[in-house]
Amino acid sequence: MARRRQIYEGKAKILYEGPEPGTLIQYFKDDATAFNAQKKGTISGKGVLNNRISEHIFTLLGTIGVPTHFIRRLNMREQLIRQVEIIPIEVVVRNVAAGTLSKRLGIEEGTQLPRTIVEYYYKDDALGDPLISEEHIACFGWASQDEMHDITDMAIRINDFMCGLFAGIGIRLIDFKLEFGRIWDNDYGRIILADEISPDGCRLWDMETNEKLDKDRFRRDLGGEVEAYQEVARRLGLLPEGDGENAVLDLESHRKRRGK
């Protein structure tokens, strides 16, 4: 088999050249990072779980009309995706005070916000992904005004959908990160959702116990990272009953049995 050409490697994923023009293969790693990669580690089986969870959520978003880069899942760790021109902005949607918002404004973690907040961060690891405003985005031409309208509208729509999705399985969606990209049709660029949606980029708390079911378990040395990710997959109906490594390895056979 010919060796695939690597296009890009990030903290949690690797992108390879796809089988057709305009496509890429997105590979999910087990690597875990926090605090702008100052803390590094491995969560065994994370890539398998994130691949499956992200596939599930992107597929559901597609059914409600949210355009995404996702085409199909190829195997336990890889997806076929559309190649996009990434907008250099991380969009963070916040429903409940947590993380940097609590630190910046002195608001106790877990405080329900009076309204959903959409924040923008400039994607630059060397700068620590600084918080920016729409004025910065317009000034430096990172996205047009029309593109920002599309991005913000999609972010709110995704939030509404995901809040309901997770509430239905007893999980409170605290906040989450989104990335968007452009696809081109001649001279016309269109904004679509890119990257992934998984416990790596979402804060997910159990509604009854406030137990953290996301990467904060790694950030804060709480332990039980694998079990938390597995619990999210189980509640979404993506993981067969069982525990430990065997449950993760059963993902593929479970998917085939369900005909998905």
Protein backbone atom coordinates (compact mmCIF):
# COMPACT_ATOMS: atom_id res chain seq x y z
CA MET A 1 0.00 0.00 0.00
CA ALA A 2 1.33 3.45 -0.93
CA ARG A 3 2.25 5.66 2.00
CA ARG A 4 -0.26 8.45 2.47
CA ARG A 5 1.00 12.02 2.35
CA GLN A 6 0.61 13.84 5.65
CA ILE A 7 -0.83 17.33 5.26
CA TYR A 8 -0.91 18.53 8.85
CA GLU A 9 -0.50 17.28 12.41
CA GLY A 10 -2.24 18.98 15.31
CA LYS A 11 -2.44 18.24 19.02
CA ALA A 12 -5.23 15.66 18.69
CA LYS A 13 -5.49 14.80 14.99
CA ILE A 14 -3.48 14.17 11.84
CA LEU A 15 -4.70 15.12 8.36
CA TYR A 16 -3.69 13.03 5.36
CA GLU A 17 -4.25 13.52 1.66
CA GLY A 18 -7.63 12.12 0.70
CA PRO A 19 -8.47 9.60 -2.06
CA GLU A 20 -10.13 12.27 -4.23
CA PRO A 21 -9.37 15.94 -4.93
CA GLY A 22 -10.88 18.19 -2.29
CA THR A 23 -10.90 15.49 0.40
CA LEU A 24 -8.73 14.67 3.42
CA ILE A 25 -8.50 11.81 5.87
CA GLN A 26 -8.74 12.93 9.49
CA TYR A 27 -7.02 10.60 11.98
CA PHE A 28 -7.87 10.87 15.70
CA LYS A 29 -4.94 10.41 18.09
CA ASP A 30 -4.89 9.34 21.73
CA ASP A 31 -2.66 12.30 22.60
CA ALA A 32 -4.05 14.70 25.18
CA THR A 33 -2.87 18.26 25.78
CA ALA A 34 -3.96 21.11 28.03
CA PHE A 35 -2.96 24.68 28.80
CA ASN A 36 -1.80 25.33 25.25
CA ALA A 37 0.14 22.03 25.15
CA GLN A 38 2.10 22.82 28.33
CA LYS A 39 0.60 19.63 29.78
CA LYS A 40 0.81 16.51 27.65
CA GLY A 41 -0.31 12.93 28.08
CA THR A 42 -2.18 10.03 26.54
CA ILE A 43 -5.75 8.86 27.06
CA SER A 44 -5.92 5.29 25.81
CA GLY A 45 -8.70 4.83 23.27
CA LYS A 46 -9.60 8.53 23.17
CA GLY A 47 -9.14 8.73 19.41
CA VAL A 48 -11.56 5.86 18.83
CA LEU A 49 -14.20 7.41 21.07
CA ASN A 50 -13.82 10.95 19.72
CA ASN A 51 -14.02 9.68 16.14
CA ARG A 52 -17.30 7.93 16.86
CA ILE A 53 -18.83 10.73 18.98
CA SER A 54 -17.87 13.42 16.46
CA GLU A 55 -19.24 11.34 13.58
CA HIS A 56 -22.54 10.94 15.43
CA ILE A 57 -22.93 14.65 16.24
CA PHE A 58 -21.85 15.88 12.80
CA THR A 59 -24.27 13.45 11.17
CA LEU A 60 -27.13 14.71 13.34
CA LEU A 61 -26.21 18.33 12.62
CA GLY A 62 -26.30 17.54 8.91
CA THR A 63 -29.89 16.32 9.26
CA ILE A 64 -30.96 19.73 10.60
CA GLY A 65 -29.25 21.59 7.77
CA VAL A 66 -25.90 22.55 9.30
CA PRO A 67 -23.26 22.19 6.55
CA THR A 68 -20.14 20.30 7.72
CA HIS A 69 -16.89 18.94 6.36
CA PHE A 70 -17.83 15.37 7.40
CA ILE A 71 -18.36 12.83 4.60
CA ARG A 72 -18.16 9.44 6.31
CA ARG A 73 -16.26 7.47 8.92
CA LEU A 74 -13.67 5.14 7.39
CA ASN A 75 -12.65 3.03 10.39
CA MET A 76 -12.21 3.24 14.14
CA ARG A 77 -9.85 6.23 14.01
CA GLU A 78 -10.37 7.90 10.64
CA GLN A 79 -12.93 10.01 8.83
CA LEU A 80 -13.17 11.17 5.24
CA ILE A 81 -13.74 14.93 5.24
CA ARG A 82 -13.93 17.82 2.80
CA GLN A 83 -10.82 19.93 2.52
CA VAL A 84 -11.55 23.45 3.72
CA GLU A 85 -9.71 26.70 4.18
CA ILE A 86 -9.81 27.01 7.97
CA ILE A 87 -10.92 30.33 9.42
CA PRO A 88 -8.21 31.17 12.02
CA ILE A 89 -10.78 31.67 14.77
CA GLU A 90 -11.93 29.37 17.57
CA VAL A 91 -15.58 29.98 18.40
CA VAL A 92 -16.47 29.21 22.02
CA VAL A 93 -20.13 28.99 23.02
CA ARG A 94 -20.82 29.30 26.76
CA ASN A 95 -24.04 28.41 28.58
CA VAL A 96 -22.62 28.07 32.11
CA ALA A 97 -19.65 29.82 33.72
CA ALA A 98 -16.54 27.62 33.77
CA GLY A 99 -12.85 27.59 32.90
CA THR A 100 -11.29 30.83 31.70
CA LEU A 101 -14.57 32.75 31.87
CA SER A 102 -14.81 32.07 35.61
CA LYS A 103 -11.17 33.07 36.10
CA ARG A 104 -11.40 36.26 34.03
CA LEU A 105 -14.60 37.57 35.60
CA GLY A 106 -14.55 35.96 39.05
CA ILE A 107 -17.80 34.08 38.46
CA GLU A 108 -18.23 30.81 40.34
CA GLU A 109 -18.01 27.75 38.15
CA GLY A 110 -21.41 26.20 37.50
CA THR A 111 -23.27 29.53 37.48
CA GLN A 112 -25.95 29.51 34.79
CA LEU A 113 -25.38 32.48 32.48
CA PRO A 114 -28.35 34.84 31.92
CA ARG A 115 -27.84 34.31 28.18
CA THR A 116 -25.59 32.28 25.94
CA ILE A 117 -22.24 33.95 25.19
CA VAL A 118 -20.32 33.48 21.94
CA GLU A 119 -16.61 34.29 22.17
CA TYR A 120 -13.87 34.37 19.54
CA TYR A 121 -10.22 33.40 19.98
CA TYR A 122 -7.41 33.85 17.46
CA LYS A 123 -5.94 30.45 16.55
CA ASP A 124 -2.26 30.85 17.33
CA ASP A 125 -0.58 28.50 19.82
CA ALA A 126 2.48 30.75 20.13
CA LEU A 127 0.23 33.58 21.35
CA GLY A 128 -1.89 31.33 23.56
CA ASP A 129 -5.03 31.67 21.39
CA PRO A 130 -5.94 35.17 22.64
CA LEU A 131 -9.52 36.36 23.08
CA ILE A 132 -10.51 38.70 20.24
CA SER A 133 -13.54 40.75 19.19
CA GLU A 134 -15.39 41.03 15.90
CA GLU A 135 -13.54 44.33 15.43
CA HIS A 136 -10.22 42.45 15.37
CA ILE A 137 -11.64 39.92 12.91
CA ALA A 138 -12.83 42.66 10.55
CA CYS A 139 -9.66 44.73 10.93
CA PHE A 140 -7.30 41.90 10.01
CA GLY A 141 -9.57 40.32 7.39
CA TRP A 142 -9.80 36.91 9.02
CA ALA A 143 -13.45 36.67 7.99
CA SER A 144 -15.94 38.96 6.28
CA GLN A 145 -18.99 40.43 8.00
CA ASP A 146 -21.27 38.06 6.08
CA GLU A 147 -19.09 35.11 7.07
CA MET A 148 -19.21 36.14 10.73
CA HIS A 149 -23.00 36.34 10.54
CA ASP A 150 -23.05 32.78 9.17
CA ILE A 151 -20.58 31.57 11.80
CA THR A 152 -22.46 33.11 14.72
CA ASP A 153 -25.86 31.95 13.45
CA MET A 154 -24.54 28.41 13.02
CA ALA A 155 -22.89 28.44 16.45
CA ILE A 156 -26.19 29.41 18.13
CA ARG A 157 -28.11 26.81 16.13
CA ILE A 158 -25.58 24.10 16.99
CA ASN A 159 -25.77 25.10 20.65
CA ASP A 160 -29.56 24.89 20.71
CA PHE A 161 -29.48 21.44 19.14
CA MET A 162 -26.67 20.08 21.32
CA CYS A 163 -28.18 21.40 24.55
CA GLY A 164 -31.29 19.36 23.79
CA LEU A 165 -29.31 16.32 22.63
CA PHE A 166 -27.23 16.16 25.82
CA ALA A 167 -30.07 17.11 28.16
CA GLY A 168 -31.94 14.10 26.81
CA ILE A 169 -29.19 11.83 28.16
CA GLY A 170 -28.72 13.60 31.48
CA ILE A 171 -25.75 15.77 30.52
CA ARG A 172 -25.45 19.53 30.94
CA LEU A 173 -23.64 21.26 28.06
CA ILE A 174 -21.49 23.84 29.84
CA ASP A 175 -19.53 25.21 26.89
CA PHE A 176 -17.81 24.01 23.72
CA LYS A 177 -15.42 25.01 20.94
CA LEU A 178 -16.16 25.11 17.22
CA GLU A 179 -14.03 25.70 14.15
CA PHE A 180 -15.24 26.70 10.71
CA GLY A 181 -13.79 26.67 7.22
CA ARG A 182 -14.46 27.92 3.69
CA ILE A 183 -15.16 25.74 0.72
CA TRP A 184 -14.94 27.37 -2.70
CA ASP A 185 -17.21 27.14 -5.72
CA ASN A 186 -15.31 29.17 -8.30
CA ASP A 187 -15.07 32.62 -6.68
CA TYR A 188 -17.81 31.97 -4.14
CA GLY A 189 -16.77 30.89 -0.65
CA ARG A 190 -19.19 29.15 1.70
CA ILE A 191 -18.76 28.62 5.46
CA ILE A 192 -19.11 25.10 6.86
CA LEU A 193 -18.45 23.48 10.24
CA ALA A 194 -15.05 21.76 10.47
CA ASP A 195 -12.74 20.05 13.01
CA GLU A 196 -14.61 17.87 15.56
CA ILE A 197 -17.15 17.94 18.37
CA SER A 198 -16.20 15.62 21.21
CA PRO A 199 -15.41 15.61 24.95
CA ASP A 200 -12.02 17.09 23.98
CA GLY A 201 -13.66 20.39 23.07
CA CYS A 202 -16.85 20.35 25.17
CA ARG A 203 -17.46 20.70 28.88
CA LEU A 204 -20.04 18.08 29.76
CA TRP A 205 -21.34 17.66 33.32
CA ASP A 206 -23.69 15.03 34.65
CA MET A 207 -26.98 16.81 35.42
CA GLU A 208 -27.49 15.12 38.79
CA THR A 209 -23.98 14.92 40.20
CA ASN A 210 -22.06 17.62 38.24
CA GLU A 211 -19.43 14.95 37.51
CA LYS A 212 -17.18 16.11 34.70
CA LEU A 213 -17.36 13.89 31.59
CA ASP A 214 -14.78 15.69 29.45
CA LYS A 215 -11.12 16.69 29.11
CA ASP A 216 -11.24 18.70 32.34
CA ARG A 217 -10.58 15.36 34.03
CA PHE A 218 -7.15 15.42 32.35
CA ARG A 219 -6.59 19.18 32.79
CA ARG A 220 -7.30 19.01 36.53
CA ASP A 221 -5.72 15.64 37.29
CA LEU A 222 -9.07 14.14 38.31
CA GLY A 223 -8.36 10.76 36.67
CA GLY A 224 -10.96 8.55 35.02
CA GLU A 225 -10.62 10.20 31.62
CA VAL A 226 -11.28 7.04 29.61
CA GLU A 227 -14.31 6.14 31.70
CA ALA A 228 -15.74 9.65 31.28
CA TYR A 229 -15.41 9.58 27.49
CA GLN A 230 -16.89 6.09 27.42
CA GLU A 231 -19.84 7.25 29.52
CA VAL A 232 -20.64 9.98 27.00
CA ALA A 233 -20.46 7.44 24.16
CA ARG A 234 -22.65 4.99 26.09
CA ARG A 235 -25.34 7.57 26.82
CA LEU A 236 -25.37 8.55 23.14
CA GLY A 237 -25.99 4.88 22.30
CA LEU A 238 -22.63 4.47 20.57
CA LEU A 239 -20.91 2.01 22.91
CA PRO A 240 -22.13 -1.46 23.87
CA GLU A 241 -22.44 -2.36 27.51
CA GLY A 242 -19.13 -3.32 29.07
CA ASP A 243 -16.11 -1.54 30.38
CA GLY A 244 -12.43 -1.00 29.79
CA GLU A 245 -10.55 -1.52 26.55
CA ASN A 246 -12.88 -4.23 25.25
CA ALA A 247 -15.80 -1.78 25.17
CA VAL A 248 -13.79 0.60 23.00
CA LEU A 249 -12.63 -2.18 20.70
CA ASP A 250 -16.24 -3.36 20.35
CA LEU A 251 -17.25 -0.06 18.74
CA GLU A 252 -16.71 -1.24 15.19
CA SER A 253 -18.56 -4.53 15.53
CA HIS A 254 -21.37 -2.77 17.44
CA ARG A 255 -21.77 -0.27 14.57
CA LYS A 256 -21.94 -3.06 12.01
CA ARG A 257 -24.57 -4.94 14.03
CA ARG A 258 -26.73 -1.80 14.10
CA GLY A 259 -26.23 -1.34 10.37
CA LYS A 260 -24.82 2.17 10.68
